[in-house]
PDB file of N, CA and C in Angstrom:
ATOM      1  N   MET A   1       0.234  -1.483   0.042  1.00  0.00           N
ATOM      2  CA  MET A   1       0.051  -0.227  -0.062  1.00  0.00           C
ATOM      3  C   MET A   1       1.254   0.922   0.019  1.00  0.00           C
ATOM      4  N   PRO A   2       0.716   2.043  -0.723  1.00  0.00           N
ATOM      5  CA  PRO A   2       1.542   3.593  -0.816  1.00  0.00           C
ATOM      6  C   PRO A   2       0.917   4.105   0.095  1.00  0.00           C
ATOM      7  N   ARG A   3       2.213   5.121   0.866  1.00  0.00           N
ATOM      8  CA  ARG A   3       1.769   5.455   1.894  1.00  0.00           C
ATOM      9  C   ARG A   3       2.068   7.260   1.306  1.00  0.00           C
ATOM     10  N   THR A   4       1.126   8.058   2.145  1.00  0.00           N
ATOM     11  CA  THR A   4       0.180   8.453   2.044  1.00  0.00           C
ATOM     12  C   THR A   4       0.889   9.940   2.172  1.00  0.00           C
ATOM     13  N   LEU A   5       0.428  11.209   1.350  1.00  0.00           N
ATOM     14  CA  LEU A   5       1.462  12.120   1.144  1.00  0.00           C
ATOM     15  C   LEU A   5       1.757  12.799   3.449  1.00  0.00           C
ATOM     16  N   ILE A   6       0.255  12.377   4.127  1.00  0.00           N
ATOM     17  CA  ILE A   6       0.471  12.974   5.435  1.00  0.00           C
ATOM     18  C   ILE A   6       0.826  12.062   6.361  1.00  0.00           C
ATOM     19  N   SER A   7       1.471  10.957   6.069  1.00  0.00           N
ATOM     20  CA  SER A   7       2.262   9.929   6.551  1.00  0.00           C
ATOM     21  C   SER A   7       4.133  10.762   6.742  1.00  0.00           C
ATOM     22  N   GLN A   8       3.649  10.852   4.632  1.00  0.00           N
ATOM     23  CA  GLN A   8       5.342  11.048   4.381  1.00  0.00           C
ATOM     24  C   GLN A   8       5.646  12.498   5.335  1.00  0.00           C
ATOM     25  N   GLN A   9       5.074  13.319   5.464  1.00  0.00           N
ATOM     26  CA  GLN A   9       5.454  14.683   6.203  1.00  0.00           C
ATOM     27  C   GLN A   9       5.051  15.139   7.793  1.00  0.00           C
ATOM     28  N   SER A  10       4.572  13.705   8.840  1.00  0.00           N
ATOM     29  CA  SER A  10       5.554  13.075   9.930  1.00  0.00           C
ATOM     30  C   SER A  10       6.050  13.255   9.731  1.00  0.00           C
ATOM     31  N   ASP A  11       6.441  11.958   9.016  1.00  0.00           N
ATOM     32  CA  ASP A  11       7.804  11.162   8.705  1.00  0.00           C
ATOM     33  C   ASP A  11       9.438  12.292   9.058  1.00  0.00           C
ATOM     34  N   ILE A  12       8.625  13.023   7.914  1.00  0.00           N
ATOM     35  CA  ILE A  12       9.531  14.165   8.022  1.00  0.00           C
ATOM     36  C   ILE A  12      10.105  15.050   8.916  1.00  0.00           C
ATOM     37  N   ALA A  13       8.886  15.284  10.058  1.00  0.00           N
ATOM     38  CA  ALA A  13       8.141  16.157  11.328  1.00  0.00           C
ATOM     39  C   ALA A  13       9.126  15.652  12.562  1.00  0.00           C
ATOM     40  N   GLU A  14      10.030  14.354  12.147  1.00  0.00           N
ATOM     41  CA  GLU A  14      10.307  13.135  13.360  1.00  0.00           C
ATOM     42  C   GLU A  14      11.681  14.219  12.639  1.00  0.00           C
ATOM     43  N   LEU A  15      12.574  13.739  11.350  1.00  0.00           N
ATOM     44  CA  LEU A  15      14.206  13.875  11.209  1.00  0.00           C
ATOM     45  C   LEU A  15      14.496  14.686  12.082  1.00  0.00           C
ATOM     46  N   VAL A  16      15.242  14.264  12.261  1.00  0.00           N
ATOM     47  CA  VAL A  16      16.473  15.891  12.903  1.00  0.00           C
ATOM     48  C   VAL A  16      17.370  15.803  11.807  1.00  0.00           C
ATOM     49  N   ASP A  17      17.328  17.867  11.599  1.00  0.00           N
ATOM     50  CA  ASP A  17      18.241  17.777  10.704  1.00  0.00           C
ATOM     51  C   ASP A  17      20.091  18.216  11.852  1.00  0.00           C
ATOM     52  N   ILE A  18      20.941  17.757  10.710  1.00  0.00           N
ATOM     53  CA  ILE A  18      21.672  17.723  11.381  1.00  0.00           C
ATOM     54  C   ILE A  18      22.783  18.954  11.966  1.00  0.00           C
ATOM     55  N   ASP A  19      22.453  20.047  11.168  1.00  0.00           N
ATOM     56  CA  ASP A  19      22.984  21.285  11.375  1.00  0.00           C
ATOM     57  C   ASP A  19      22.157  21.485  13.215  1.00  0.00           C
ATOM     58  N   THR A  20      21.694  21.234  13.812  1.00  0.00           N
ATOM     59  CA  THR A  20      21.410  21.678  15.038  1.00  0.00           C
ATOM     60  C   THR A  20      22.071  20.463  15.911  1.00  0.00           C
ATOM     61  N   VAL A  21      22.777  19.580  15.421  1.00  0.00           N
ATOM     62  CA  VAL A  21      23.291  18.641  16.475  1.00  0.00           C
ATOM     63  C   VAL A  21      24.424  19.205  16.545  1.00  0.00           C
ATOM     64  N   GLN A  22      24.519  19.556  18.131  1.00  0.00           N
ATOM     65  CA  GLN A  22      26.449  20.298  18.833  1.00  0.00           C
ATOM     66  C   GLN A  22      27.030  18.407  19.424  1.00  0.00           C
ATOM     67  N   VAL A  23      28.027  18.372  18.933  1.00  0.00           N
ATOM     68  CA  VAL A  23      29.146  17.311  19.309  1.00  0.00           C
ATOM     69  C   VAL A  23      29.722  18.390  20.193  1.00  0.00           C
ATOM     70  N   ASP A  24      30.801  17.428  21.596  1.00  0.00           N
ATOM     71  CA  ASP A  24      31.439  18.140  22.288  1.00  0.00           C
ATOM     72  C   ASP A  24      33.600  17.390  21.295  1.00  0.00           C
ATOM     73  N   ILE A  25      33.583  18.932  21.086  1.00  0.00           N
ATOM     74  CA  ILE A  25      34.957  17.941  19.872  1.00  0.00           C
ATOM     75  C   ILE A  25      36.047  17.902  20.554  1.00  0.00           C
ATOM     76  N   ASP A  26      35.789  17.435  22.121  1.00  0.00           N
ATOM     77  CA  ASP A  26      37.187  17.589  23.081  1.00  0.00           C
ATOM     78  C   ASP A  26      37.019  16.259  23.198  1.00  0.00           C
ATOM     79  N   LEU A  27      35.976  15.041  22.957  1.00  0.00           N
ATOM     80  CA  LEU A  27      35.984  14.459  23.527  1.00  0.00           C
ATOM     81  C   LEU A  27      36.699  13.114  22.417  1.00  0.00           C
ATOM     82  N   PRO A  28      36.603  11.966  23.419  1.00  0.00           N
ATOM     83  CA  PRO A  28      37.453  11.168  22.978  1.00  0.00           C
ATOM     84  C   PRO A  28      35.999  10.718  21.616  1.00  0.00           C
ATOM     85  N   ILE A  29      36.737   9.939  20.149  1.00  0.00           N
ATOM     86  CA  ILE A  29      35.980   9.500  19.302  1.00  0.00           C
ATOM     87  C   ILE A  29      34.655   9.105  19.265  1.00  0.00           C
ATOM     88  N   GLU A  30      35.026   7.524  20.008  1.00  0.00           N
ATOM     89  CA  GLU A  30      33.213   7.291  20.236  1.00  0.00           C
ATOM     90  C   GLU A  30      32.206   7.600  21.190  1.00  0.00           C
ATOM     91  N   GLU A  31      33.010   8.937  21.521  1.00  0.00           N
ATOM     92  CA  GLU A  31      31.920   9.607  22.891  1.00  0.00           C
ATOM     93  C   GLU A  31      30.605  11.018  21.505  1.00  0.00           C
ATOM     94  N   ARG A  32      32.358  11.652  21.065  1.00  0.00           N
ATOM     95  CA  ARG A  32      31.463  11.633  19.663  1.00  0.00           C
ATOM     96  C   ARG A  32      30.563  11.754  19.055  1.00  0.00           C
ATOM     97  N   ILE A  33      31.037  10.209  18.477  1.00  0.00           N
ATOM     98  CA  ILE A  33      29.807   9.452  18.389  1.00  0.00           C
ATOM     99  C   ILE A  33      28.513   9.024  18.410  1.00  0.00           C
ATOM    100  N   LYS A  34      28.788   8.618  20.437  1.00  0.00           N
ATOM    101  CA  LYS A  34      27.149   8.830  20.880  1.00  0.00           C
ATOM    102  C   LYS A  34      26.515   9.692  20.731  1.00  0.00           C
ATOM    103  N   GLN A  35      27.580  10.312  20.824  1.00  0.00           N
ATOM    104  CA  GLN A  35      26.638  12.207  21.103  1.00  0.00           C
ATOM    105  C   GLN A  35      25.900  12.257  19.937  1.00  0.00           C
ATOM    106  N   TYR A  36      26.517  12.090  18.867  1.00  0.00           N
ATOM    107  CA  TYR A  36      25.846  12.435  17.762  1.00  0.00           C
ATOM    108  C   TYR A  36      24.815  11.395  17.342  1.00  0.00           C
ATOM    109  N   VAL A  37      24.340  10.201  17.493  1.00  0.00           N
ATOM    110  CA  VAL A  37      23.744   9.526  17.189  1.00  0.00           C
ATOM    111  C   VAL A  37      22.931   9.240  17.715  1.00  0.00           C
ATOM    112  N   GLU A  38      23.191  10.079  19.795  1.00  0.00           N
ATOM    113  CA  GLU A  38      22.209   9.966  20.563  1.00  0.00           C
ATOM    114  C   GLU A  38      21.516  11.629  20.409  1.00  0.00           C
ATOM    115  N   GLN A  39      21.714  12.263  19.365  1.00  0.00           N
ATOM    116  CA  GLN A  39      21.175  13.927  18.796  1.00  0.00           C
ATOM    117  C   GLN A  39      20.029  13.538  17.599  1.00  0.00           C
ATOM    118  N   VAL A  40      21.039  12.689  17.042  1.00  0.00           N
ATOM    119  CA  VAL A  40      20.421  12.850  15.425  1.00  0.00           C
ATOM    120  C   VAL A  40      18.916  12.243  15.088  1.00  0.00           C
ATOM    121  N   LYS A  41      19.022  10.518  15.923  1.00  0.00           N
ATOM    122  CA  LYS A  41      18.601   9.358  16.190  1.00  0.00           C
ATOM    123  C   LYS A  41      18.348   9.115  15.559  1.00  0.00           C
ATOM    124  N   ASN A  42      18.454   8.978  14.348  1.00  0.00           N
ATOM    125  CA  ASN A  42      18.494   8.036  13.470  1.00  0.00           C
ATOM    126  C   ASN A  42      19.722   8.275  11.924  1.00  0.00           C
ATOM    127  N   PRO A  43      21.032   7.454  12.126  1.00  0.00           N
ATOM    128  CA  PRO A  43      21.726   8.226  11.593  1.00  0.00           C
ATOM    129  C   PRO A  43      21.516   7.559  10.158  1.00  0.00           C
ATOM    130  N   TYR A  44      20.847   6.466   9.776  1.00  0.00           N
ATOM    131  CA  TYR A  44      20.498   6.485   8.364  1.00  0.00           C
ATOM    132  C   TYR A  44      19.025   7.257   7.723  1.00  0.00           C
ATOM    133  N   ARG A  45      18.923   8.286   8.476  1.00  0.00           N
ATOM    134  CA  ARG A  45      18.002   9.056   7.830  1.00  0.00           C
ATOM    135  C   ARG A  45      17.706   9.976   8.249  1.00  0.00           C
ATOM    136  N   PHE A  46      17.921  11.020   8.235  1.00  0.00           N
ATOM    137  CA  PHE A  46      17.891  12.689   8.970  1.00  0.00           C
ATOM    138  C   PHE A  46      17.800  13.741   7.901  1.00  0.00           C
ATOM    139  N   LEU A  47      18.462  14.996   8.715  1.00  0.00           N
ATOM    140  CA  LEU A  47      18.411  16.216   7.423  1.00  0.00           C
ATOM    141  C   LEU A  47      18.888  16.986   7.437  1.00  0.00           C
ATOM    142  N   ALA A  48      19.324  17.273   6.469  1.00  0.00           N
ATOM    143  CA  ALA A  48      20.884  18.262   6.059  1.00  0.00           C
ATOM    144  C   ALA A  48      20.504  19.141   5.703  1.00  0.00           C
ATOM    145  N   GLY A  49      19.924  20.449   6.626  1.00  0.00           N
ATOM    146  CA  GLY A  49      19.441  21.738   5.760  1.00  0.00           C
ATOM    147  C   GLY A  49      18.164  22.059   5.273  1.00  0.00           C
ATOM    148  N   GLY A  50      17.913  20.581   5.668  1.00  0.00           N
ATOM    149  CA  GLY A  50      16.623  20.987   4.815  1.00  0.00           C
ATOM    150  C   GLY A  50      16.400  20.342   4.558  1.00  0.00           C
ATOM    151  N   VAL A  51      16.870  19.037   3.893  1.00  0.00           N
ATOM    152  CA  VAL A  51      16.664  18.321   2.429  1.00  0.00           C
ATOM    153  C   VAL A  51      16.984  17.061   3.279  1.00  0.00           C
ATOM    154  N   ILE A  52      16.076  16.183   2.658  1.00  0.00           N
ATOM    155  CA  ILE A  52      16.250  14.660   3.734  1.00  0.00           C
ATOM    156  C   ILE A  52      17.047  13.805   3.097  1.00  0.00           C
ATOM    157  N   VAL A  53      17.954  13.088   4.150  1.00  0.00           N
ATOM    158  CA  VAL A  53      19.180  12.542   3.649  1.00  0.00           C
ATOM    159  C   VAL A  53      18.418  10.659   3.500  1.00  0.00           C
ATOM    160  N   ASN A  54      19.373  10.083   2.913  1.00  0.00           N
ATOM    161  CA  ASN A  54      18.487   8.972   3.323  1.00  0.00           C
ATOM    162  C   ASN A  54      20.034   7.760   3.032  1.00  0.00           C
ATOM    163  N   VAL A  55      20.916   6.660   4.190  1.00  0.00           N
ATOM    164  CA  VAL A  55      21.874   7.100   3.702  1.00  0.00           C
ATOM    165  C   VAL A  55      21.409   5.400   3.544  1.00  0.00           C
ATOM    166  N   ALA A  56      22.777   5.072   2.680  1.00  0.00           N
ATOM    167  CA  ALA A  56      22.860   3.245   2.267  1.00  0.00           C
ATOM    168  C   ALA A  56      24.214   3.016   2.215  1.00  0.00           C
ATOM    169  N   HIS A  57      24.181   1.868   2.259  1.00  0.00           N
ATOM    170  CA  HIS A  57      25.743   1.106   1.848  1.00  0.00           C
ATOM    171  C   HIS A  57      26.070  -0.253   1.409  1.00  0.00           C
ATOM    172  N   ARG A  58      26.958  -0.242   0.945  1.00  0.00           N
ATOM    173  CA  ARG A  58      27.563  -1.544  -0.156  1.00  0.00           C
ATOM    174  C   ARG A  58      27.902  -2.513   1.179  1.00  0.00           C
ATOM    175  N   ASN A  59      28.224  -3.608   0.812  1.00  0.00           N
ATOM    176  CA  ASN A  59      28.991  -4.163   1.423  1.00  0.00           C
ATOM    177  C   ASN A  59      30.854  -4.357   1.142  1.00  0.00           C
ATOM    178  N   ASN A  60      30.676  -3.938   0.104  1.00  0.00           N
ATOM    179  CA  ASN A  60      32.249  -3.472   0.210  1.00  0.00           C
ATOM    180  C   ASN A  60      32.740  -2.146   0.095  1.00  0.00           C
ATOM    181  N   GLY A  61      31.370  -1.184   1.027  1.00  0.00           N
ATOM    182  CA  GLY A  61      31.881  -0.235   0.163  1.00  0.00           C
ATOM    183  C   GLY A  61      32.162   0.961   1.478  1.00  0.00           C
ATOM    184  N   LEU A  62      32.227   1.987   2.430  1.00  0.00           N
ATOM    185  CA  LEU A  62      32.879   2.378   3.580  1.00  0.00           C
ATOM    186  C   LEU A  62      32.024   1.693   4.299  1.00  0.00           C
ATOM    187  N   LYS A  63      32.279   1.964   5.120  1.00  0.00           N
ATOM    188  CA  LYS A  63      31.202   1.854   6.619  1.00  0.00           C
ATOM    189  C   LYS A  63      30.766   3.156   6.897  1.00  0.00           C
ATOM    190  N   LEU A  64      29.879   3.326   8.272  1.00  0.00           N
ATOM    191  CA  LEU A  64      29.282   4.638   8.536  1.00  0.00           C
ATOM    192  C   LEU A  64      29.720   4.511   9.753  1.00  0.00           C
ATOM    193  N   GLU A  65      30.673   3.970  10.571  1.00  0.00           N
ATOM    194  CA  GLU A  65      30.812   4.259  11.974  1.00  0.00           C
ATOM    195  C   GLU A  65      32.231   4.573  11.354  1.00  0.00           C
ATOM    196  N   THR A  66      32.842   4.431   9.962  1.00  0.00           N
ATOM    197  CA  THR A  66      34.627   5.519   9.330  1.00  0.00           C
ATOM    198  C   THR A  66      33.976   6.999   8.893  1.00  0.00           C
ATOM    199  N   ALA A  67      32.701   7.115   8.278  1.00  0.00           N
ATOM    200  CA  ALA A  67      31.595   7.373   7.580  1.00  0.00           C
ATOM    201  C   ALA A  67      31.954   9.307   9.367  1.00  0.00           C
ATOM    202  N   VAL A  68      31.238   8.491   9.879  1.00  0.00           N
ATOM    203  CA  VAL A  68      30.731   9.662  11.048  1.00  0.00           C
ATOM    204  C   VAL A  68      32.062   9.971  10.799  1.00  0.00           C
ATOM    205  N   SER A  69      33.057   9.037  11.465  1.00  0.00           N
ATOM    206  CA  SER A  69      34.155   9.686  12.381  1.00  0.00           C
ATOM    207  C   SER A  69      34.766  10.463  11.515  1.00  0.00           C
ATOM    208  N   SER A  70      34.622  10.385  10.333  1.00  0.00           N
ATOM    209  CA  SER A  70      35.477  11.433   9.624  1.00  0.00           C
ATOM    210  C   SER A  70      35.140  12.864   9.913  1.00  0.00           C
ATOM    211  N   TYR A  71      33.674  12.354   9.808  1.00  0.00           N
ATOM    212  CA  TYR A  71      32.543  13.669   9.842  1.00  0.00           C
ATOM    213  C   TYR A  71      33.367  14.437  11.076  1.00  0.00           C
ATOM    214  N   LEU A  72      32.334  13.524  12.414  1.00  0.00           N
ATOM    215  CA  LEU A  72      33.259  14.795  12.948  1.00  0.00           C
ATOM    216  C   LEU A  72      35.259  15.106  13.768  1.00  0.00           C
ATOM    217  N   SER A  73      35.567  13.980  12.940  1.00  0.00           N
ATOM    218  CA  SER A  73      37.543  14.649  13.265  1.00  0.00           C
ATOM    219  C   SER A  73      37.223  15.419  12.314  1.00  0.00           C
ATOM    220  N   ASP A  74      36.470  15.754  11.289  1.00  0.00           N
ATOM    221  CA  ASP A  74      36.719  17.296  10.542  1.00  0.00           C
ATOM    222  C   ASP A  74      36.284  18.512  10.763  1.00  0.00           C
ATOM    223  N   LEU A  75      35.531  18.011  12.237  1.00  0.00           N
ATOM    224  CA  LEU A  75      34.479  19.327  12.797  1.00  0.00           C
ATOM    225  C   LEU A  75      35.720  20.031  13.125  1.00  0.00           C
ATOM    226  N   MET A  76      36.797  19.546  14.289  1.00  0.00           N
ATOM    227  CA  MET A  76      38.529  19.775  15.168  1.00  0.00           C
ATOM    228  C   MET A  76      38.782  20.698  14.132  1.00  0.00           C
TER     229      MET A  76
END
C-alpha cells in the first residue's frame, strides 16, 4: 500500500536536522559518535539543511562508523 502524503510529512517532522546537532570535539571519538547518534536519533535518515538524507551502504563500501568518524574529526 503506498504511503500517503500526510504520513510522509509526519515522518519528515520527526527527522533531526544535523545542523542542530552539537558534538563536544574535546571528547574521544567514541563519545562523539555516541553524542551524534543520540541527537540525530536515526543516523540512516535525517535532514541536512532541510534536505532529507537517506544513508545506504554497500557490502564493500565505506562503513558508516568510518564515515561518521571522519565527519566528526573534520569538525575539529
